[in-house]
PDB file of N, CA and C in Angstrom:
ATOM      1  N   UNK A   1      22.187  24.509   3.382  1.00  0.00           N
ATOM      2  CA  UNK A   1      21.951  23.544   4.601  1.00  0.00           C
ATOM      3  C   UNK A   1      20.916  23.681   5.666  1.00  0.00           C
ATOM      4  N   UNK A   2      20.750  24.915   5.730  1.00  0.00           N
ATOM      5  CA  UNK A   2      19.740  25.591   6.806  1.00  0.00           C
ATOM      6  C   UNK A   2      18.420  25.113   6.679  1.00  0.00           C
ATOM      7  N   UNK A   3      18.085  25.051   5.348  1.00  0.00           N
ATOM      8  CA  UNK A   3      16.685  24.538   4.952  1.00  0.00           C
ATOM      9  C   UNK A   3      16.346  23.171   5.329  1.00  0.00           C
ATOM     10  N   UNK A   4      17.341  22.181   5.523  1.00  0.00           N
ATOM     11  CA  UNK A   4      17.257  20.811   5.663  1.00  0.00           C
ATOM     12  C   UNK A   4      17.356  20.645   7.216  1.00  0.00           C
ATOM     13  N   UNK A   5      17.595  21.825   7.981  1.00  0.00           N
ATOM     14  CA  UNK A   5      17.554  21.338   9.569  1.00  0.00           C
ATOM     15  C   UNK A   5      16.028  21.126   9.976  1.00  0.00           C
ATOM     16  N   UNK A   6      15.032  21.668   9.489  1.00  0.00           N
ATOM     17  CA  UNK A   6      13.608  21.540   9.736  1.00  0.00           C
ATOM     18  C   UNK A   6      13.289  20.023   9.288  1.00  0.00           C
ATOM     19  N   UNK A   7      13.686  19.606   8.373  1.00  0.00           N
ATOM     20  CA  UNK A   7      13.438  18.176   7.993  1.00  0.00           C
ATOM     21  C   UNK A   7      14.099  17.305   9.045  1.00  0.00           C
ATOM     22  N   UNK A   8      15.375  17.518   9.310  1.00  0.00           N
ATOM     23  CA  UNK A   8      15.939  16.639  10.299  1.00  0.00           C
ATOM     24  C   UNK A   8      15.234  16.871  11.632  1.00  0.00           C
ATOM     25  N   UNK A   9      14.904  17.802  12.023  1.00  0.00           N
ATOM     26  CA  UNK A   9      14.179  17.947  13.381  1.00  0.00           C
ATOM     27  C   UNK A   9      13.022  17.175  13.326  1.00  0.00           C
ATOM     28  N   UNK A  10      12.199  17.181  12.244  1.00  0.00           N
ATOM     29  CA  UNK A  10      10.860  16.587  12.080  1.00  0.00           C
ATOM     30  C   UNK A  10      11.123  14.939  11.909  1.00  0.00           C
ATOM     31  N   UNK A  11      12.343  14.464  11.245  1.00  0.00           N
ATOM     32  CA  UNK A  11      12.598  13.188  11.165  1.00  0.00           C
ATOM     33  C   UNK A  11      12.936  12.640  12.526  1.00  0.00           C
ATOM     34  N   UNK A  12      13.663  13.459  13.235  1.00  0.00           N
ATOM     35  CA  UNK A  12      14.205  12.872  14.749  1.00  0.00           C
ATOM     36  C   UNK A  12      12.955  12.933  15.459  1.00  0.00           C
ATOM     37  N   UNK A  13      11.953  13.734  15.610  1.00  0.00           N
ATOM     38  CA  UNK A  13      10.715  13.873  16.499  1.00  0.00           C
ATOM     39  C   UNK A  13      10.018  12.648  16.044  1.00  0.00           C
ATOM     40  N   UNK A  14       9.866  12.367  14.631  1.00  0.00           N
ATOM     41  CA  UNK A  14       8.926  11.279  14.074  1.00  0.00           C
ATOM     42  C   UNK A  14       9.455   9.921  14.521  1.00  0.00           C
ATOM     43  N   UNK A  15      10.972  10.029  14.720  1.00  0.00           N
ATOM     44  CA  UNK A  15      11.268   8.702  15.152  1.00  0.00           C
ATOM     45  C   UNK A  15      11.216   8.558  16.673  1.00  0.00           C
ATOM     46  N   UNK A  16      11.428   9.497  17.392  1.00  0.00           N
ATOM     47  CA  UNK A  16      11.574   9.400  18.761  1.00  0.00           C
ATOM     48  C   UNK A  16      10.356   9.458  19.545  1.00  0.00           C
ATOM     49  N   UNK A  17       9.304  10.268  18.989  1.00  0.00           N
ATOM     50  CA  UNK A  17       7.920  10.386  19.736  1.00  0.00           C
ATOM     51  C   UNK A  17       7.192   9.005  20.010  1.00  0.00           C
ATOM     52  N   UNK A  18       7.210   8.260  18.861  1.00  0.00           N
ATOM     53  CA  UNK A  18       6.390   6.916  19.114  1.00  0.00           C
ATOM     54  C   UNK A  18       7.210   6.075  20.221  1.00  0.00           C
ATOM     55  N   UNK A  19       8.578   5.975  20.149  1.00  0.00           N
ATOM     56  CA  UNK A  19       9.443   5.253  21.070  1.00  0.00           C
ATOM     57  C   UNK A  19       9.318   5.713  22.517  1.00  0.00           C
ATOM     58  N   UNK A  20       9.190   7.128  22.566  1.00  0.00           N
ATOM     59  CA  UNK A  20       9.179   7.797  23.960  1.00  0.00           C
ATOM     60  C   UNK A  20       7.872   7.355  24.514  1.00  0.00           C
ATOM     61  N   UNK A  21       6.801   7.438  23.617  1.00  0.00           N
ATOM     62  CA  UNK A  21       5.343   7.001  24.133  1.00  0.00           C
ATOM     63  C   UNK A  21       5.355   5.655  24.523  1.00  0.00           C
ATOM     64  N   UNK A  22       5.932   4.629  23.822  1.00  0.00           N
ATOM     65  CA  UNK A  22       5.879   3.021  24.151  1.00  0.00           C
ATOM     66  C   UNK A  22       6.896   2.962  25.598  1.00  0.00           C
ATOM     67  N   UNK A  23       7.946   3.585  25.614  1.00  0.00           N
ATOM     68  CA  UNK A  23       8.497   3.298  26.960  1.00  0.00           C
ATOM     69  C   UNK A  23       8.074   4.097  28.319  1.00  0.00           C
ATOM     70  N   UNK A  24       7.336   5.194  28.032  1.00  0.00           N
ATOM     71  CA  UNK A  24       6.837   5.885  29.127  1.00  0.00           C
ATOM     72  C   UNK A  24       5.444   5.157  29.509  1.00  0.00           C
ATOM     73  N   UNK A  25       4.872   4.496  28.627  1.00  0.00           N
ATOM     74  CA  UNK A  25       3.707   3.825  29.008  1.00  0.00           C
ATOM     75  C   UNK A  25       3.794   2.269  29.654  1.00  0.00           C
ATOM     76  N   UNK A  26       5.096   1.831  29.501  1.00  0.00           N
ATOM     77  CA  UNK A  26       5.476   0.463  30.007  1.00  0.00           C
ATOM     78  C   UNK A  26       5.298   0.195  31.659  1.00  0.00           C
ATOM     79  N   UNK A  27       5.671   1.322  32.327  1.00  0.00           N
ATOM     80  CA  UNK A  27       5.479   1.152  33.844  1.00  0.00           C
ATOM     81  C   UNK A  27       3.857   1.580  34.251  1.00  0.00           C
ATOM     82  N   UNK A  28       3.255   1.936  33.411  1.00  0.00           N
ATOM     83  CA  UNK A  28       1.791   2.360  33.627  1.00  0.00           C
ATOM     84  C   UNK A  28       0.786   1.486  33.421  1.00  0.00           C
ATOM     85  N   UNK A  29       1.191   0.643  32.571  1.00  0.00           N
ATOM     86  CA  UNK A  29       0.293  -0.611  31.963  1.00  0.00           C
ATOM     87  C   UNK A  29      -0.026  -1.663  32.849  1.00  0.00           C
ATOM     88  N   UNK A  30      -0.963  -2.478  32.740  1.00  0.00           N
ATOM     89  CA  UNK A  30      -1.141  -3.750  33.605  1.00  0.00           C
ATOM     90  C   UNK A  30      -0.460  -4.866  32.683  1.00  0.00           C
ATOM     91  N   UNK A  31       0.117  -5.719  33.366  1.00  0.00           N
ATOM     92  CA  UNK A  31       0.682  -6.821  32.637  1.00  0.00           C
ATOM     93  C   UNK A  31       0.100  -8.084  33.428  1.00  0.00           C
ATOM     94  N   UNK A  32      -0.765  -8.883  32.673  1.00  0.00           N
ATOM     95  CA  UNK A  32      -1.263 -10.155  33.165  1.00  0.00           C
ATOM     96  C   UNK A  32      -0.624 -11.334  32.296  1.00  0.00           C
ATOM     97  N   UNK A  33       0.576 -11.793  32.346  1.00  0.00           N
ATOM     98  CA  UNK A  33       0.900 -12.812  31.282  1.00  0.00           C
ATOM     99  C   UNK A  33       0.251 -14.209  31.669  1.00  0.00           C
ATOM    100  N   UNK A  34       0.013 -14.811  30.590  1.00  0.00           N
ATOM    101  CA  UNK A  34      -0.743 -16.162  30.742  1.00  0.00           C
ATOM    102  C   UNK A  34      -0.750 -16.893  29.452  1.00  0.00           C
ATOM    103  N   UNK A  35      -1.320 -18.129  29.506  1.00  0.00           N
ATOM    104  CA  UNK A  35      -1.341 -18.820  28.101  1.00  0.00           C
ATOM    105  C   UNK A  35      -2.400 -18.471  27.252  1.00  0.00           C
ATOM    106  N   UNK A  36      -3.591 -17.986  27.935  1.00  0.00           N
ATOM    107  CA  UNK A  36      -4.609 -17.414  27.119  1.00  0.00           C
ATOM    108  C   UNK A  36      -4.166 -16.176  26.429  1.00  0.00           C
ATOM    109  N   UNK A  37      -3.566 -15.248  26.927  1.00  0.00           N
ATOM    110  CA  UNK A  37      -3.082 -14.223  26.449  1.00  0.00           C
ATOM    111  C   UNK A  37      -2.107 -14.415  25.171  1.00  0.00           C
ATOM    112  N   UNK A  38      -1.339 -15.373  25.176  1.00  0.00           N
ATOM    113  CA  UNK A  38      -0.439 -15.670  24.263  1.00  0.00           C
ATOM    114  C   UNK A  38      -1.151 -16.556  22.949  1.00  0.00           C
ATOM    115  N   UNK A  39      -2.281 -16.967  23.153  1.00  0.00           N
ATOM    116  CA  UNK A  39      -2.958 -17.690  22.100  1.00  0.00           C
ATOM    117  C   UNK A  39      -3.441 -16.656  21.149  1.00  0.00           C
ATOM    118  N   UNK A  40      -3.596 -17.262  19.920  1.00  0.00           N
ATOM    119  CA  UNK A  40      -4.101 -16.320  18.763  1.00  0.00           C
ATOM    120  C   UNK A  40      -5.688 -16.225  18.996  1.00  0.00           C
ATOM    121  N   UNK A  41      -6.161 -14.899  18.683  1.00  0.00           N
ATOM    122  CA  UNK A  41      -7.585 -14.694  18.912  1.00  0.00           C
ATOM    123  C   UNK A  41      -8.502 -14.841  17.666  1.00  0.00           C
ATOM    124  N   UNK A  42      -9.424 -15.652  17.467  1.00  0.00           N
ATOM    125  CA  UNK A  42      -9.857 -15.965  16.147  1.00  0.00           C
ATOM    126  C   UNK A  42     -11.321 -15.891  16.624  1.00  0.00           C
ATOM    127  N   UNK A  43     -11.882 -14.587  16.847  1.00  0.00           N
ATOM    128  CA  UNK A  43     -13.288 -14.316  16.990  1.00  0.00           C
ATOM    129  C   UNK A  43     -13.928 -15.089  18.099  1.00  0.00           C
ATOM    130  N   UNK A  44     -13.138 -15.472  19.124  1.00  0.00           N
ATOM    131  CA  UNK A  44     -13.632 -16.225  20.202  1.00  0.00           C
ATOM    132  C   UNK A  44     -13.687 -17.688  20.117  1.00  0.00           C
ATOM    133  N   UNK A  45     -13.287 -18.092  19.069  1.00  0.00           N
ATOM    134  CA  UNK A  45     -13.195 -19.555  18.663  1.00  0.00           C
ATOM    135  C   UNK A  45     -11.716 -20.175  19.013  1.00  0.00           C
ATOM    136  N   UNK A  46     -11.783 -21.269  19.292  1.00  0.00           N
ATOM    137  CA  UNK A  46     -10.326 -21.892  19.660  1.00  0.00           C
ATOM    138  C   UNK A  46      -9.572 -22.098  18.366  1.00  0.00           C
ATOM    139  N   UNK A  47      -8.458 -21.870  18.053  1.00  0.00           N
ATOM    140  CA  UNK A  47      -7.646 -21.841  16.830  1.00  0.00           C
ATOM    141  C   UNK A  47      -7.655 -23.396  16.618  1.00  0.00           C
ATOM    142  N   UNK A  48      -7.711 -23.948  15.388  1.00  0.00           N
ATOM    143  CA  UNK A  48      -7.375 -25.090  14.872  1.00  0.00           C
ATOM    144  C   UNK A  48      -6.407 -25.022  13.781  1.00  0.00           C
ATOM    145  N   UNK A  49      -5.510 -25.845  13.777  1.00  0.00           N
ATOM    146  CA  UNK A  49      -4.544 -25.982  12.880  1.00  0.00           C
ATOM    147  C   UNK A  49      -3.382 -24.885  12.965  1.00  0.00           C
ATOM    148  N   UNK A  50      -2.496 -24.996  11.906  1.00  0.00           N
ATOM    149  CA  UNK A  50      -1.365 -24.102  11.942  1.00  0.00           C
ATOM    150  C   UNK A  50      -2.004 -22.690  11.502  1.00  0.00           C
ATOM    151  N   UNK A  51      -1.351 -21.512  11.962  1.00  0.00           N
ATOM    152  CA  UNK A  51      -1.671 -20.224  11.614  1.00  0.00           C
ATOM    153  C   UNK A  51      -0.813 -19.829  10.301  1.00  0.00           C
ATOM    154  N   UNK A  52       0.143 -20.486   9.925  1.00  0.00           N
ATOM    155  CA  UNK A  52       0.909 -20.297   8.761  1.00  0.00           C
ATOM    156  C   UNK A  52       0.513 -20.988   7.543  1.00  0.00           C
ATOM    157  N   UNK A  53      -0.414 -20.404   6.832  1.00  0.00           N
ATOM    158  CA  UNK A  53      -0.836 -21.143   5.611  1.00  0.00           C
ATOM    159  C   UNK A  53      -0.328 -20.579   4.519  1.00  0.00           C
ATOM    160  N   UNK A  54       0.313 -21.430   3.508  1.00  0.00           N
ATOM    161  CA  UNK A  54       0.764 -20.823   2.406  1.00  0.00           C
ATOM    162  C   UNK A  54      -0.137 -20.719   1.315  1.00  0.00           C
ATOM    163  N   UNK A  55      -0.114 -19.306   0.799  1.00  0.00           N
ATOM    164  CA  UNK A  55      -1.023 -19.039  -0.262  1.00  0.00           C
ATOM    165  C   UNK A  55      -0.273 -19.159  -1.636  1.00  0.00           C
ATOM    166  N   UNK A  56      -1.069 -19.241  -2.567  1.00  0.00           N
ATOM    167  CA  UNK A  56      -0.462 -19.524  -3.922  1.00  0.00           C
ATOM    168  C   UNK A  56      -0.066 -17.896  -4.281  1.00  0.00           C
ATOM    169  N   UNK A  57       1.237 -18.089  -5.013  1.00  0.00           N
ATOM    170  CA  UNK A  57       1.724 -16.727  -5.363  1.00  0.00           C
ATOM    171  C   UNK A  57       0.957 -15.762  -6.314  1.00  0.00           C
ATOM    172  N   UNK A  58       0.122 -16.421  -7.021  1.00  0.00           N
ATOM    173  CA  UNK A  58      -0.841 -15.738  -8.062  1.00  0.00           C
ATOM    174  C   UNK A  58      -1.673 -14.784  -7.376  1.00  0.00           C
ATOM    175  N   UNK A  59      -2.259 -15.246  -6.047  1.00  0.00           N
ATOM    176  CA  UNK A  59      -3.002 -14.211  -5.488  1.00  0.00           C
ATOM    177  C   UNK A  59      -2.286 -12.895  -5.200  1.00  0.00           C
ATOM    178  N   UNK A  60      -0.983 -12.880  -4.631  1.00  0.00           N
ATOM    179  CA  UNK A  60      -0.287 -11.780  -4.555  1.00  0.00           C
ATOM    180  C   UNK A  60       0.043 -10.993  -5.796  1.00  0.00           C
ATOM    181  N   UNK A  61       0.386 -11.642  -6.757  1.00  0.00           N
ATOM    182  CA  UNK A  61       0.503 -11.074  -8.191  1.00  0.00           C
ATOM    183  C   UNK A  61      -0.778 -10.170  -8.557  1.00  0.00           C
ATOM    184  N   UNK A  62      -1.883 -11.138  -8.557  1.00  0.00           N
ATOM    185  CA  UNK A  62      -3.053 -10.637  -9.124  1.00  0.00           C
ATOM    186  C   UNK A  62      -3.317  -9.122  -8.407  1.00  0.00           C
ATOM    187  N   UNK A  63      -3.192  -9.231  -6.907  1.00  0.00           N
ATOM    188  CA  UNK A  63      -3.468  -8.053  -5.810  1.00  0.00           C
ATOM    189  C   UNK A  63      -2.353  -7.018  -6.650  1.00  0.00           C
ATOM    190  N   UNK A  64      -1.192  -7.211  -6.752  1.00  0.00           N
ATOM    191  CA  UNK A  64      -0.166  -6.343  -7.095  1.00  0.00           C
ATOM    192  C   UNK A  64      -0.573  -5.558  -8.405  1.00  0.00           C
ATOM    193  N   UNK A  65      -1.007  -6.535  -9.465  1.00  0.00           N
ATOM    194  CA  UNK A  65      -1.422  -5.826 -10.688  1.00  0.00           C
ATOM    195  C   UNK A  65      -2.638  -4.940 -10.422  1.00  0.00           C
ATOM    196  N   UNK A  66      -3.448  -5.508  -9.668  1.00  0.00           N
ATOM    197  CA  UNK A  66      -4.708  -4.508  -9.538  1.00  0.00           C
ATOM    198  C   UNK A  66      -4.345  -3.289  -8.979  1.00  0.00           C
ATOM    199  N   UNK A  67      -3.389  -3.375  -7.978  1.00  0.00           N
ATOM    200  CA  UNK A  67      -2.967  -2.098  -6.927  1.00  0.00           C
ATOM    201  C   UNK A  67      -2.136  -1.187  -8.182  1.00  0.00           C
ATOM    202  N   UNK A  68      -1.749  -1.889  -9.097  1.00  0.00           N
ATOM    203  CA  UNK A  68      -0.778  -0.749 -10.094  1.00  0.00           C
ATOM    204  C   UNK A  68      -1.802  -0.072 -10.827  1.00  0.00           C
ATOM    205  N   UNK A  69      -2.844  -0.800 -11.518  1.00  0.00           N
ATOM    206  CA  UNK A  69      -3.653  -0.320 -12.307  1.00  0.00           C
ATOM    207  C   UNK A  69      -4.649   0.616 -11.586  1.00  0.00           C
ATOM    208  N   UNK A  70      -4.930   0.330 -10.420  1.00  0.00           N
ATOM    209  CA  UNK A  70      -5.990   1.269  -9.696  1.00  0.00           C
ATOM    210  C   UNK A  70      -5.307   2.458  -9.404  1.00  0.00           C
ATOM    211  N   UNK A  71      -4.066   2.480  -9.086  1.00  0.00           N
ATOM    212  CA  UNK A  71      -3.127   3.891  -8.675  1.00  0.00           C
ATOM    213  C   UNK A  71      -2.992   4.432 -10.145  1.00  0.00           C
ATOM    214  N   UNK A  72      -2.730   3.801 -11.103  1.00  0.00           N
ATOM    215  CA  UNK A  72      -2.420   4.407 -12.365  1.00  0.00           C
ATOM    216  C   UNK A  72      -3.813   5.050 -12.875  1.00  0.00           C
ATOM    217  N   UNK A  73      -4.842   4.480 -12.682  1.00  0.00           N
ATOM    218  CA  UNK A  73      -6.119   5.250 -13.007  1.00  0.00           C
ATOM    219  C   UNK A  73      -6.476   6.320 -12.175  1.00  0.00           C
ATOM    220  N   UNK A  74      -5.896   6.547 -11.207  1.00  0.00           N
ATOM    221  CA  UNK A  74      -6.325   7.544 -10.219  1.00  0.00           C
ATOM    222  C   UNK A  74      -5.443   8.843 -10.958  1.00  0.00           C
ATOM    223  N   UNK A  75      -4.360   8.764 -11.809  1.00  0.00           N
ATOM    224  CA  UNK A  75      -3.827   9.782 -12.351  1.00  0.00           C
ATOM    225  C   UNK A  75      -4.545  10.402 -13.558  1.00  0.00           C
ATOM    226  N   UNK A  76      -5.519   9.686 -13.958  1.00  0.00           N
ATOM    227  CA  UNK A  76      -6.539  10.176 -14.932  1.00  0.00           C
ATOM    228  C   UNK A  76      -7.359  11.350 -14.434  1.00  0.00           C
ATOM    229  N   UNK A  77      -7.705  11.412 -12.905  1.00  0.00           N
ATOM    230  CA  UNK A  77      -8.655  12.362 -12.516  1.00  0.00           C
ATOM    231  C   UNK A  77      -8.250  13.853 -12.735  1.00  0.00           C
ATOM    232  N   UNK A  78      -6.985  13.979 -12.058  1.00  0.00           N
ATOM    233  CA  UNK A  78      -6.439  15.583 -12.237  1.00  0.00           C
ATOM    234  C   UNK A  78      -6.140  15.898 -13.606  1.00  0.00           C
ATOM    235  N   UNK A  79      -5.839  15.045 -14.494  1.00  0.00           N
ATOM    236  CA  UNK A  79      -5.615  15.245 -15.983  1.00  0.00           C
ATOM    237  C   UNK A  79      -6.956  15.750 -16.447  1.00  0.00           C
ATOM    238  N   UNK A  80      -7.997  14.996 -16.060  1.00  0.00           N
ATOM    239  CA  UNK A  80      -9.440  15.340 -16.650  1.00  0.00           C
ATOM    240  C   UNK A  80      -9.837  16.817 -16.056  1.00  0.00           C
ATOM    241  N   UNK A  81      -9.630  17.153 -14.663  1.00  0.00           N
ATOM    242  CA  UNK A  81      -9.930  18.394 -14.127  1.00  0.00           C
ATOM    243  C   UNK A  81      -9.167  19.544 -14.688  1.00  0.00           C
ATOM    244  N   UNK A  82      -8.011  19.356 -15.233  1.00  0.00           N
ATOM    245  CA  UNK A  82      -7.584  20.655 -15.603  1.00  0.00           C
ATOM    246  C   UNK A  82      -7.280  20.648 -17.242  1.00  0.00           C
ATOM    247  N   UNK A  83      -7.895  19.804 -17.671  1.00  0.00           N
ATOM    248  CA  UNK A  83      -7.865  19.569 -19.239  1.00  0.00           C
ATOM    249  C   UNK A  83      -8.227  20.829 -20.073  1.00  0.00           C
ATOM    250  N   UNK A  84      -9.265  21.614 -19.560  1.00  0.00           N
ATOM    251  CA  UNK A  84      -9.647  22.848 -20.225  1.00  0.00           C
ATOM    252  C   UNK A  84      -8.579  23.831 -20.321  1.00  0.00           C
ATOM    253  N   UNK A  85      -7.698  23.944 -19.280  1.00  0.00           N
ATOM    254  CA  UNK A  85      -6.691  24.904 -19.156  1.00  0.00           C
ATOM    255  C   UNK A  85      -5.423  24.984 -19.645  1.00  0.00           C
ATOM    256  N   UNK A  86      -5.338  23.579 -20.368  1.00  0.00           N
ATOM    257  CA  UNK A  86      -4.111  23.280 -20.907  1.00  0.00           C
ATOM    258  C   UNK A  86      -4.315  23.337 -22.469  1.00  0.00           C
ATOM    259  N   UNK A  87      -3.168  23.148 -23.155  1.00  0.00           N
ATOM    260  CA  UNK A  87      -3.295  22.863 -24.597  1.00  0.00           C
ATOM    261  C   UNK A  87      -3.744  21.620 -25.018  1.00  0.00           C
ATOM    262  N   UNK A  88      -5.129  21.640 -25.436  1.00  0.00           N
ATOM    263  CA  UNK A  88      -5.817  20.150 -25.684  1.00  0.00           C
ATOM    264  C   UNK A  88      -5.129  19.190 -26.446  1.00  0.00           C
ATOM    265  N   UNK A  89      -4.280  19.715 -27.724  1.00  0.00           N
ATOM    266  CA  UNK A  89      -3.589  18.681 -28.565  1.00  0.00           C
ATOM    267  C   UNK A  89      -2.395  18.019 -27.737  1.00  0.00           C
ATOM    268  N   UNK A  90      -1.541  18.732 -27.159  1.00  0.00           N
ATOM    269  CA  UNK A  90      -0.529  18.183 -26.508  1.00  0.00           C
ATOM    270  C   UNK A  90      -0.828  17.362 -25.406  1.00  0.00           C
ATOM    271  N   UNK A  91      -1.746  17.870 -24.534  1.00  0.00           N
ATOM    272  CA  UNK A  91      -2.074  17.044 -23.204  1.00  0.00           C
ATOM    273  C   UNK A  91      -2.969  15.891 -23.623  1.00  0.00           C
ATOM    274  N   UNK A  92      -3.710  15.797 -24.719  1.00  0.00           N
ATOM    275  CA  UNK A  92      -4.363  14.602 -25.267  1.00  0.00           C
ATOM    276  C   UNK A  92      -3.328  13.528 -25.730  1.00  0.00           C
ATOM    277  N   UNK A  93      -2.279  14.032 -26.505  1.00  0.00           N
ATOM    278  CA  UNK A  93      -1.427  13.283 -26.797  1.00  0.00           C
ATOM    279  C   UNK A  93      -0.465  12.428 -25.654  1.00  0.00           C
ATOM    280  N   UNK A  94      -0.314  13.409 -24.738  1.00  0.00           N
ATOM    281  CA  UNK A  94       0.548  12.686 -23.582  1.00  0.00           C
ATOM    282  C   UNK A  94      -0.418  11.733 -22.713  1.00  0.00           C
ATOM    283  N   UNK A  95      -1.766  11.955 -22.740  1.00  0.00           N
ATOM    284  CA  UNK A  95      -2.540  11.141 -21.982  1.00  0.00           C
ATOM    285  C   UNK A  95      -2.726   9.867 -22.835  1.00  0.00           C
ATOM    286  N   UNK A  96      -2.721   9.878 -24.214  1.00  0.00           N
ATOM    287  CA  UNK A  96      -3.013   8.797 -25.235  1.00  0.00           C
ATOM    288  C   UNK A  96      -1.774   7.822 -24.918  1.00  0.00           C
ATOM    289  N   UNK A  97      -0.443   8.513 -24.642  1.00  0.00           N
ATOM    290  CA  UNK A  97       0.727   7.595 -24.611  1.00  0.00           C
ATOM    291  C   UNK A  97       0.669   6.910 -23.081  1.00  0.00           C
ATOM    292  N   UNK A  98       0.032   7.976 -22.201  1.00  0.00           N
ATOM    293  CA  UNK A  98      -0.056   7.127 -20.769  1.00  0.00           C
ATOM    294  C   UNK A  98      -0.966   5.974 -20.873  1.00  0.00           C
ATOM    295  N   UNK A  99      -2.171   6.263 -21.303  1.00  0.00           N
ATOM    296  CA  UNK A  99      -3.098   5.021 -21.487  1.00  0.00           C
ATOM    297  C   UNK A  99      -2.678   3.985 -22.189  1.00  0.00           C
ATOM    298  N   UNK A 100      -1.844   4.036 -23.389  1.00  0.00           N
ATOM    299  CA  UNK A 100      -1.295   3.230 -24.298  1.00  0.00           C
ATOM    300  C   UNK A 100      -0.198   2.472 -23.416  1.00  0.00           C
ATOM    301  N   UNK A 101       0.473   2.944 -22.515  1.00  0.00           N
ATOM    302  CA  UNK A 101       1.300   2.284 -21.678  1.00  0.00           C
ATOM    303  C   UNK A 101       0.672   1.241 -20.611  1.00  0.00           C
ATOM    304  N   UNK A 102      -0.610   1.895 -20.212  1.00  0.00           N
ATOM    305  CA  UNK A 102      -1.403   0.996 -19.358  1.00  0.00           C
ATOM    306  C   UNK A 102      -1.800  -0.249 -20.254  1.00  0.00           C
ATOM    307  N   UNK A 103      -2.438  -0.137 -21.436  1.00  0.00           N
ATOM    308  CA  UNK A 103      -2.872  -1.092 -22.174  1.00  0.00           C
ATOM    309  C   UNK A 103      -1.854  -2.120 -22.576  1.00  0.00           C
ATOM    310  N   UNK A 104      -0.679  -1.693 -22.847  1.00  0.00           N
ATOM    311  CA  UNK A 104       0.452  -2.607 -22.910  1.00  0.00           C
ATOM    312  C   UNK A 104       0.715  -3.371 -21.822  1.00  0.00           C
ATOM    313  N   UNK A 105       0.774  -2.939 -20.614  1.00  0.00           N
ATOM    314  CA  UNK A 105       0.790  -3.471 -19.463  1.00  0.00           C
ATOM    315  C   UNK A 105      -0.105  -4.401 -19.143  1.00  0.00           C
ATOM    316  N   UNK A 106      -1.413  -4.235 -19.395  1.00  0.00           N
ATOM    317  CA  UNK A 106      -2.563  -5.127 -19.299  1.00  0.00           C
ATOM    318  C   UNK A 106      -2.321  -6.176 -20.157  1.00  0.00           C
ATOM    319  N   UNK A 107      -2.140  -5.874 -21.265  1.00  0.00           N
ATOM    320  CA  UNK A 107      -1.768  -6.984 -22.515  1.00  0.00           C
ATOM    321  C   UNK A 107      -0.764  -7.985 -22.095  1.00  0.00           C
ATOM    322  N   UNK A 108       0.393  -7.340 -21.536  1.00  0.00           N
ATOM    323  CA  UNK A 108       1.559  -8.109 -21.150  1.00  0.00           C
ATOM    324  C   UNK A 108       1.035  -9.121 -19.884  1.00  0.00           C
ATOM    325  N   UNK A 109       0.368  -8.513 -18.895  1.00  0.00           N
ATOM    326  CA  UNK A 109      -0.204  -9.363 -17.708  1.00  0.00           C
ATOM    327  C   UNK A 109      -0.981 -10.385 -18.234  1.00  0.00           C
ATOM    328  N   UNK A 110      -1.907 -10.145 -19.252  1.00  0.00           N
ATOM    329  CA  UNK A 110      -2.824 -11.032 -19.664  1.00  0.00           C
ATOM    330  C   UNK A 110      -2.146 -12.067 -20.332  1.00  0.00           C
ATOM    331  N   UNK A 111      -1.188 -11.959 -21.190  1.00  0.00           N
ATOM    332  CA  UNK A 111      -0.407 -12.781 -22.015  1.00  0.00           C
ATOM    333  C   UNK A 111       0.472 -13.846 -20.975  1.00  0.00           C
ATOM    334  N   UNK A 112       0.939 -13.352 -19.866  1.00  0.00           N
ATOM    335  CA  UNK A 112       1.646 -14.074 -18.973  1.00  0.00           C
ATOM    336  C   UNK A 112       0.580 -14.679 -18.076  1.00  0.00           C
ATOM    337  N   UNK A 113      -0.471 -14.764 -18.197  1.00  0.00           N
ATOM    338  CA  UNK A 113      -1.546 -15.442 -17.472  1.00  0.00           C
ATOM    339  C   UNK A 113      -1.595 -15.050 -15.942  1.00  0.00           C
ATOM    340  N   UNK A 114      -1.230 -13.851 -15.757  1.00  0.00           N
ATOM    341  CA  UNK A 114      -1.442 -13.205 -14.362  1.00  0.00           C
ATOM    342  C   UNK A 114      -2.612 -13.062 -13.985  1.00  0.00           C
ATOM    343  N   UNK A 115      -3.653 -12.649 -14.708  1.00  0.00           N
ATOM    344  CA  UNK A 115      -5.084 -12.196 -14.496  1.00  0.00           C
ATOM    345  C   UNK A 115      -5.959 -13.386 -14.400  1.00  0.00           C
ATOM    346  N   UNK A 116      -5.444 -14.570 -14.469  1.00  0.00           N
ATOM    347  CA  UNK A 116      -6.198 -15.946 -14.334  1.00  0.00           C
ATOM    348  C   UNK A 116      -6.491 -16.258 -12.976  1.00  0.00           C
ATOM    349  N   UNK A 117      -7.603 -16.330 -12.216  1.00  0.00           N
ATOM    350  CA  UNK A 117      -7.839 -16.816 -10.905  1.00  0.00           C
ATOM    351  C   UNK A 117      -7.742 -18.394 -10.679  1.00  0.00           C
ATOM    352  N   UNK A 118      -6.807 -18.673  -9.746  1.00  0.00           N
ATOM    353  CA  UNK A 118      -6.837 -20.094  -9.516  1.00  0.00           C
ATOM    354  C   UNK A 118      -7.767 -20.693  -8.801  1.00  0.00           C
TER     355      UNK A 118
END
């Protein structure tokens, strides 16, 4: 139980330090309320239309699939660095299974037409 005390202290400090800074800075900062301050800033231009534009869900799914495959491809780098120091047959088989799972995921996304840009 004693080894978790450090983690608890860091969690409490991590939660309260930002809050303490925000509340201590409130009396020190300037406050000039006004209509211009409440308006959305768009590079100096006057905003036109509603700010809440609905995007097609396929954009989000496409970005999510890209992120998954991008992060998964990052796992290949450390494997390639330590490949010489490990048993080549076993490690190569494990990486083949890993890449096969990526390919199956890519084929699944392709069949579901997730990768088509609208």
